[in-house]
PDB file of all heavy atoms in Angstrom:
ATOM      1  N   ILE A   1     -11.421  -1.598  -3.620  1.00  0.00           N
ATOM      2  CA  ILE A   1     -12.232  -2.774  -3.982  1.00  0.00           C
ATOM      3  C   ILE A   1     -13.697  -2.259  -4.084  1.00  0.00           C
ATOM      4  O   ILE A   1     -14.199  -1.537  -3.171  1.00  0.00           O
ATOM      5  CB  ILE A   1     -12.101  -3.937  -3.016  1.00  0.00           C
ATOM      6  CG1 ILE A   1     -12.854  -5.129  -3.465  1.00  0.00           C
ATOM      7  CG2 ILE A   1     -12.478  -3.586  -1.600  1.00  0.00           C
ATOM      8  CD1 ILE A   1     -12.581  -6.381  -2.740  1.00  0.00           C
ATOM      9  N   ARG A   2     -14.405  -2.713  -5.102  1.00  0.00           N
ATOM     10  CA  ARG A   2     -15.800  -2.393  -5.278  1.00  0.00           C
ATOM     11  C   ARG A   2     -16.671  -3.689  -5.036  1.00  0.00           C
ATOM     12  O   ARG A   2     -16.447  -4.675  -5.668  1.00  0.00           O
ATOM     13  CB  ARG A   2     -16.117  -1.831  -6.720  1.00  0.00           C
ATOM     14  CG  ARG A   2     -17.557  -1.454  -6.934  1.00  0.00           C
ATOM     15  CD  ARG A   2     -17.853  -1.193  -8.332  1.00  0.00           C
ATOM     16  NE  ARG A   2     -19.094  -0.509  -8.543  1.00  0.00           N
ATOM     17  CZ  ARG A   2     -20.280  -1.034  -8.497  1.00  0.00           C
ATOM     18  NH1 ARG A   2     -20.423  -2.308  -8.365  1.00  0.00           N
ATOM     19  NH2 ARG A   2     -21.385  -0.311  -8.728  1.00  0.00           N
ATOM     20  N   THR A   3     -17.499  -3.565  -4.048  1.00  0.00           N
ATOM     21  CA  THR A   3     -18.395  -4.689  -3.763  1.00  0.00           C
ATOM     22  C   THR A   3     -19.756  -4.170  -3.746  1.00  0.00           C
ATOM     23  O   THR A   3     -20.151  -3.303  -3.061  1.00  0.00           O
ATOM     24  CB  THR A   3     -18.102  -5.278  -2.400  1.00  0.00           C
ATOM     25  OG1 THR A   3     -18.234  -4.266  -1.402  1.00  0.00           O
ATOM     26  CG2 THR A   3     -16.664  -5.861  -2.291  1.00  0.00           C
ATOM     27  N   ASP A   4     -20.621  -4.824  -4.659  1.00  0.00           N
ATOM     28  CA  ASP A   4     -21.994  -4.371  -4.800  1.00  0.00           C
ATOM     29  C   ASP A   4     -22.057  -2.891  -5.191  1.00  0.00           C
ATOM     30  O   ASP A   4     -21.662  -2.496  -6.266  1.00  0.00           O
ATOM     31  CB  ASP A   4     -22.771  -4.670  -3.577  1.00  0.00           C
ATOM     32  CG  ASP A   4     -22.893  -6.231  -3.323  1.00  0.00           C
ATOM     33  OD1 ASP A   4     -22.756  -6.952  -4.357  1.00  0.00           O
ATOM     34  OD2 ASP A   4     -22.868  -6.640  -2.166  1.00  0.00           O
ATOM     35  N   GLN A   5     -22.545  -2.034  -4.217  1.00  0.00           N
ATOM     36  CA  GLN A   5     -22.780  -0.554  -4.549  1.00  0.00           C
ATOM     37  C   GLN A   5     -21.927   0.287  -3.725  1.00  0.00           C
ATOM     38  O   GLN A   5     -22.254   1.424  -3.339  1.00  0.00           O
ATOM     39  CB  GLN A   5     -24.246  -0.240  -4.318  1.00  0.00           C
ATOM     40  CG  GLN A   5     -25.220  -1.018  -5.190  1.00  0.00           C
ATOM     41  CD  GLN A   5     -24.944  -0.661  -6.623  1.00  0.00           C
ATOM     42  OE1 GLN A   5     -24.710   0.467  -7.018  1.00  0.00           O
ATOM     43  NE2 GLN A   5     -25.090  -1.707  -7.507  1.00  0.00           N
ATOM     44  N   SER A   6     -20.635  -0.130  -3.355  1.00  0.00           N
ATOM     45  CA  SER A   6     -19.819   0.699  -2.586  1.00  0.00           C
ATOM     46  C   SER A   6     -18.371   0.534  -2.998  1.00  0.00           C
ATOM     47  O   SER A   6     -17.959  -0.470  -3.602  1.00  0.00           O
ATOM     48  CB  SER A   6     -19.999   0.363  -1.087  1.00  0.00           C
ATOM     49  OG  SER A   6     -19.504  -0.980  -0.875  1.00  0.00           O
ATOM     50  N   LEU A   7     -17.566   1.518  -2.655  1.00  0.00           N
ATOM     51  CA  LEU A   7     -16.192   1.535  -2.958  1.00  0.00           C
ATOM     52  C   LEU A   7     -15.406   1.663  -1.587  1.00  0.00           C
ATOM     53  O   LEU A   7     -15.825   2.498  -0.738  1.00  0.00           O
ATOM     54  CB  LEU A   7     -15.710   2.632  -3.855  1.00  0.00           C
ATOM     55  CG  LEU A   7     -16.023   2.453  -5.380  1.00  0.00           C
ATOM     56  CD1 LEU A   7     -15.738   3.855  -6.055  1.00  0.00           C
ATOM     57  CD2 LEU A   7     -15.239   1.376  -5.990  1.00  0.00           C
ATOM     58  N   SER A   8     -14.423   0.924  -1.354  1.00  0.00           N
ATOM     59  CA  SER A   8     -13.668   1.033  -0.133  1.00  0.00           C
ATOM     60  C   SER A   8     -12.179   0.828  -0.350  1.00  0.00           C
ATOM     61  O   SER A   8     -11.817   0.062  -1.251  1.00  0.00           O
ATOM     62  CB  SER A   8     -14.170  -0.006   0.986  1.00  0.00           C
ATOM     63  OG  SER A   8     -14.005  -1.263   0.398  1.00  0.00           O
ATOM     64  N   VAL A   9     -11.349   1.544   0.406  1.00  0.00           N
ATOM     65  CA  VAL A   9      -9.940   1.394   0.306  1.00  0.00           C
ATOM     66  C   VAL A   9      -9.510   0.406   1.359  1.00  0.00           C
ATOM     67  O   VAL A   9      -9.880   0.535   2.507  1.00  0.00           O
ATOM     68  CB  VAL A   9      -9.229   2.743   0.528  1.00  0.00           C
ATOM     69  CG1 VAL A   9      -7.717   2.534   0.400  1.00  0.00           C
ATOM     70  CG2 VAL A   9      -9.701   3.780  -0.515  1.00  0.00           C
ATOM     71  N   ILE A  10      -8.738  -0.545   0.998  1.00  0.00           N
ATOM     72  CA  ILE A  10      -8.273  -1.538   1.998  1.00  0.00           C
ATOM     73  C   ILE A  10      -6.848  -1.637   1.972  1.00  0.00           C
ATOM     74  O   ILE A  10      -6.129  -1.221   1.013  1.00  0.00           O
ATOM     75  CB  ILE A  10      -8.867  -2.942   1.663  1.00  0.00           C
ATOM     76  CG1 ILE A  10      -8.359  -3.473   0.304  1.00  0.00           C
ATOM     77  CG2 ILE A  10     -10.376  -2.899   1.637  1.00  0.00           C
ATOM     78  CD1 ILE A  10      -8.790  -4.902  -0.027  1.00  0.00           C
ATOM     79  N   ARG A  11      -6.209  -2.217   2.975  1.00  0.00           N
ATOM     80  CA  ARG A  11      -4.809  -2.450   3.075  1.00  0.00           C
ATOM     81  C   ARG A  11      -4.477  -3.871   2.644  1.00  0.00           C
ATOM     82  O   ARG A  11      -5.206  -4.792   2.869  1.00  0.00           O
ATOM     83  CB  ARG A  11      -4.318  -2.145   4.480  1.00  0.00           C
ATOM     84  CG  ARG A  11      -4.364  -0.733   4.973  1.00  0.00           C
ATOM     85  CD  ARG A  11      -3.836  -0.594   6.322  1.00  0.00           C
ATOM     86  NE  ARG A  11      -3.835   0.835   6.690  1.00  0.00           N
ATOM     87  CZ  ARG A  11      -3.389   1.289   7.909  1.00  0.00           C
ATOM     88  NH1 ARG A  11      -2.839   0.452   8.786  1.00  0.00           N
ATOM     89  NH2 ARG A  11      -3.466   2.562   8.229  1.00  0.00           N
ATOM     90  N   GLY A  12      -3.250  -3.982   1.998  1.00  0.00           N
ATOM     91  CA  GLY A  12      -2.876  -5.285   1.594  1.00  0.00           C
ATOM     92  C   GLY A  12      -3.558  -5.677   0.316  1.00  0.00           C
ATOM     93  O   GLY A  12      -4.175  -4.897  -0.367  1.00  0.00           O
ATOM     94  N   LEU A  13      -3.424  -6.954  -0.027  1.00  0.00           N
ATOM     95  CA  LEU A  13      -3.966  -7.444  -1.251  1.00  0.00           C
ATOM     96  C   LEU A  13      -5.221  -8.315  -0.960  1.00  0.00           C
ATOM     97  O   LEU A  13      -5.209  -9.155  -0.044  1.00  0.00           O
ATOM     98  CB  LEU A  13      -2.969  -8.356  -1.983  1.00  0.00           C
ATOM     99  CG  LEU A  13      -1.712  -7.603  -2.451  1.00  0.00           C
ATOM    100  CD1 LEU A  13      -0.689  -8.554  -3.016  1.00  0.00           C
ATOM    101  CD2 LEU A  13      -2.130  -6.511  -3.455  1.00  0.00           C
ATOM    102  N   PRO A  14      -6.320  -8.094  -1.624  1.00  0.00           N
ATOM    103  CA  PRO A  14      -7.599  -8.783  -1.305  1.00  0.00           C
ATOM    104  C   PRO A  14      -7.598 -10.148  -1.843  1.00  0.00           C
ATOM    105  O   PRO A  14      -6.867 -10.527  -2.743  1.00  0.00           O
ATOM    106  CB  PRO A  14      -8.643  -7.885  -1.974  1.00  0.00           C
ATOM    107  CG  PRO A  14      -7.928  -7.371  -3.193  1.00  0.00           C
ATOM    108  CD  PRO A  14      -6.486  -7.119  -2.758  1.00  0.00           C
ATOM    109  N   GLN A  15      -8.550 -10.965  -1.347  1.00  0.00           N
ATOM    110  CA  GLN A  15      -8.844 -12.270  -1.875  1.00  0.00           C
ATOM    111  C   GLN A  15     -10.015 -12.101  -2.801  1.00  0.00           C
ATOM    112  O   GLN A  15     -11.119 -11.540  -2.351  1.00  0.00           O
ATOM    113  CB  GLN A  15      -9.106 -13.311  -0.776  1.00  0.00           C
ATOM    114  CG  GLN A  15      -7.926 -13.554   0.083  1.00  0.00           C
ATOM    115  CD  GLN A  15      -6.884 -14.389  -0.625  1.00  0.00           C
ATOM    116  OE1 GLN A  15      -7.067 -14.936  -1.669  1.00  0.00           O
ATOM    117  NE2 GLN A  15      -5.665 -14.456  -0.024  1.00  0.00           N
ATOM    118  N   LEU A  16     -10.039 -12.482  -4.060  1.00  0.00           N
ATOM    119  CA  LEU A  16     -11.125 -12.343  -4.957  1.00  0.00           C
ATOM    120  C   LEU A  16     -12.069 -13.598  -4.938  1.00  0.00           C
ATOM    121  O   LEU A  16     -11.902 -14.506  -5.716  1.00  0.00           O
ATOM    122  CB  LEU A  16     -10.587 -12.097  -6.392  1.00  0.00           C
ATOM    123  CG  LEU A  16      -9.841 -10.813  -6.546  1.00  0.00           C
ATOM    124  CD1 LEU A  16      -9.293 -10.707  -8.014  1.00  0.00           C
ATOM    125  CD2 LEU A  16     -10.576  -9.597  -6.192  1.00  0.00           C
ATOM    126  N   GLU A  17     -12.865 -13.575  -3.910  1.00  0.00           N
ATOM    127  CA  GLU A  17     -13.785 -14.720  -3.749  1.00  0.00           C
ATOM    128  C   GLU A  17     -15.144 -14.460  -4.334  1.00  0.00           C
ATOM    129  O   GLU A  17     -15.778 -15.355  -4.850  1.00  0.00           O
ATOM    130  CB  GLU A  17     -13.943 -15.017  -2.235  1.00  0.00           C
ATOM    131  CG  GLU A  17     -12.609 -15.419  -1.596  1.00  0.00           C
ATOM    132  CD  GLU A  17     -12.714 -15.642  -0.089  1.00  0.00           C
ATOM    133  OE1 GLU A  17     -13.880 -15.339   0.463  1.00  0.00           O
ATOM    134  OE2 GLU A  17     -11.784 -16.060   0.596  1.00  0.00           O
ATOM    135  N   ASN A  18     -15.595 -13.223  -4.282  1.00  0.00           N
ATOM    136  CA  ASN A  18     -16.839 -12.791  -4.782  1.00  0.00           C
ATOM    137  C   ASN A  18     -16.650 -12.429  -6.302  1.00  0.00           C
ATOM    138  O   ASN A  18     -15.900 -11.491  -6.572  1.00  0.00           O
ATOM    139  CB  ASN A  18     -17.473 -11.679  -4.024  1.00  0.00           C
ATOM    140  CG  ASN A  18     -18.904 -11.385  -4.477  1.00  0.00           C
ATOM    141  OD1 ASN A  18     -19.283 -11.813  -5.563  1.00  0.00           O
ATOM    142  ND2 ASN A  18     -19.624 -10.611  -3.658  1.00  0.00           N
ATOM    143  N   HIS A  19     -17.384 -13.055  -7.210  1.00  0.00           N
ATOM    144  CA  HIS A  19     -17.249 -12.757  -8.619  1.00  0.00           C
ATOM    145  C   HIS A  19     -17.727 -11.379  -9.006  1.00  0.00           C
ATOM    146  O   HIS A  19     -17.496 -10.897 -10.106  1.00  0.00           O
ATOM    147  CB  HIS A  19     -17.875 -13.802  -9.456  1.00  0.00           C
ATOM    148  CG  HIS A  19     -17.266 -15.174  -9.358  1.00  0.00           C
ATOM    149  ND1 HIS A  19     -15.966 -15.418  -9.872  1.00  0.00           N
ATOM    150  CD2 HIS A  19     -17.623 -16.308  -8.729  1.00  0.00           C
ATOM    151  CE1 HIS A  19     -15.644 -16.682  -9.645  1.00  0.00           C
ATOM    152  NE2 HIS A  19     -16.651 -17.264  -8.953  1.00  0.00           N
ATOM    153  N   ASN A  20     -18.488 -10.753  -8.052  1.00  0.00           N
ATOM    154  CA  ASN A  20     -18.975  -9.438  -8.409  1.00  0.00           C
ATOM    155  C   ASN A  20     -18.016  -8.358  -7.982  1.00  0.00           C
ATOM    156  O   ASN A  20     -18.204  -7.133  -8.168  1.00  0.00           O
ATOM    157  CB  ASN A  20     -20.312  -9.182  -7.650  1.00  0.00           C
ATOM    158  CG  ASN A  20     -21.398 -10.083  -8.170  1.00  0.00           C
ATOM    159  OD1 ASN A  20     -21.423 -10.335  -9.360  1.00  0.00           O
ATOM    160  ND2 ASN A  20     -22.320 -10.550  -7.340  1.00  0.00           N
ATOM    161  N   ASP A  21     -16.940  -8.707  -7.267  1.00  0.00           N
ATOM    162  CA  ASP A  21     -15.926  -7.733  -6.776  1.00  0.00           C
ATOM    163  C   ASP A  21     -15.170  -7.215  -7.981  1.00  0.00           C
ATOM    164  O   ASP A  21     -14.794  -7.949  -8.932  1.00  0.00           O
ATOM    165  CB  ASP A  21     -14.971  -8.352  -5.782  1.00  0.00           C
ATOM    166  CG  ASP A  21     -15.730  -8.754  -4.479  1.00  0.00           C
ATOM    167  OD1 ASP A  21     -16.829  -8.295  -4.315  1.00  0.00           O
ATOM    168  OD2 ASP A  21     -15.096  -9.361  -3.636  1.00  0.00           O
ATOM    169  N   VAL A  22     -14.857  -5.925  -7.939  1.00  0.00           N
ATOM    170  CA  VAL A  22     -13.950  -5.317  -8.892  1.00  0.00           C
ATOM    171  C   VAL A  22     -12.767  -4.612  -8.103  1.00  0.00           C
ATOM    172  O   VAL A  22     -13.095  -3.768  -7.210  1.00  0.00           O
ATOM    173  CB  VAL A  22     -14.663  -4.306  -9.819  1.00  0.00           C
ATOM    174  CG1 VAL A  22     -13.668  -3.598 -10.725  1.00  0.00           C
ATOM    175  CG2 VAL A  22     -15.714  -4.917 -10.564  1.00  0.00           C
ATOM    176  N   VAL A  23     -11.618  -4.998  -8.372  1.00  0.00           N
ATOM    177  CA  VAL A  23     -10.458  -4.434  -7.605  1.00  0.00           C
ATOM    178  C   VAL A  23      -9.558  -3.538  -8.491  1.00  0.00           C
ATOM    179  O   VAL A  23      -9.276  -3.882  -9.659  1.00  0.00           O
ATOM    180  CB  VAL A  23      -9.601  -5.596  -7.074  1.00  0.00           C
ATOM    181  CG1 VAL A  23      -8.393  -5.056  -6.381  1.00  0.00           C
ATOM    182  CG2 VAL A  23     -10.478  -6.432  -6.066  1.00  0.00           C
ATOM    183  N   TRP A  24      -9.194  -2.404  -7.951  1.00  0.00           N
ATOM    184  CA  TRP A  24      -8.295  -1.565  -8.655  1.00  0.00           C
ATOM    185  C   TRP A  24      -7.021  -1.487  -7.747  1.00  0.00           C
ATOM    186  O   TRP A  24      -7.085  -1.034  -6.581  1.00  0.00           O
ATOM    187  CB  TRP A  24      -8.918  -0.154  -8.785  1.00  0.00           C
ATOM    188  CG  TRP A  24      -7.884   0.902  -9.185  1.00  0.00           C
ATOM    189  CD1 TRP A  24      -6.741   0.796  -9.786  1.00  0.00           C
ATOM    190  CD2 TRP A  24      -8.070   2.331  -8.776  1.00  0.00           C
ATOM    191  NE1 TRP A  24      -6.124   1.968  -9.926  1.00  0.00           N
ATOM    192  CE2 TRP A  24      -6.822   2.957  -9.271  1.00  0.00           C
ATOM    193  CE3 TRP A  24      -9.002   3.016  -8.133  1.00  0.00           C
ATOM    194  CZ2 TRP A  24      -6.627   4.365  -9.066  1.00  0.00           C
ATOM    195  CZ3 TRP A  24      -8.769   4.393  -7.967  1.00  0.00           C
ATOM    196  CH2 TRP A  24      -7.602   5.038  -8.435  1.00  0.00           C
ATOM    197  N   LEU A  25      -5.839  -1.838  -8.334  1.00  0.00           N
ATOM    198  CA  LEU A  25      -4.575  -1.747  -7.670  1.00  0.00           C
ATOM    199  C   LEU A  25      -3.730  -0.700  -8.271  1.00  0.00           C
ATOM    200  O   LEU A  25      -3.566  -0.629  -9.499  1.00  0.00           O
ATOM    201  CB  LEU A  25      -3.861  -3.106  -7.721  1.00  0.00           C
ATOM    202  CG  LEU A  25      -4.530  -4.343  -7.200  1.00  0.00           C
ATOM    203  CD1 LEU A  25      -3.673  -5.605  -7.481  1.00  0.00           C
ATOM    204  CD2 LEU A  25      -4.708  -4.190  -5.689  1.00  0.00           C
ATOM    205  N   GLU A  26      -3.209   0.220  -7.444  1.00  0.00           N
ATOM    206  CA  GLU A  26      -2.264   1.225  -7.876  1.00  0.00           C
ATOM    207  C   GLU A  26      -0.955   0.822  -7.292  1.00  0.00           C
ATOM    208  O   GLU A  26      -0.736   0.915  -6.076  1.00  0.00           O
ATOM    209  CB  GLU A  26      -2.729   2.611  -7.469  1.00  0.00           C
ATOM    210  CG  GLU A  26      -1.797   3.663  -8.078  1.00  0.00           C
ATOM    211  CD  GLU A  26      -2.270   5.097  -7.780  1.00  0.00           C
ATOM    212  OE1 GLU A  26      -3.246   5.231  -7.041  1.00  0.00           O
ATOM    213  OE2 GLU A  26      -1.643   6.053  -8.203  1.00  0.00           O
TER     214      GLU A  26
END
């Protein structure tokens, strides 16, 4: 998930609440 100016790997499926978030699912 990309939030603002960072990339982070998270577990599970995210909630897309922030419209600036960009999510990449493999």
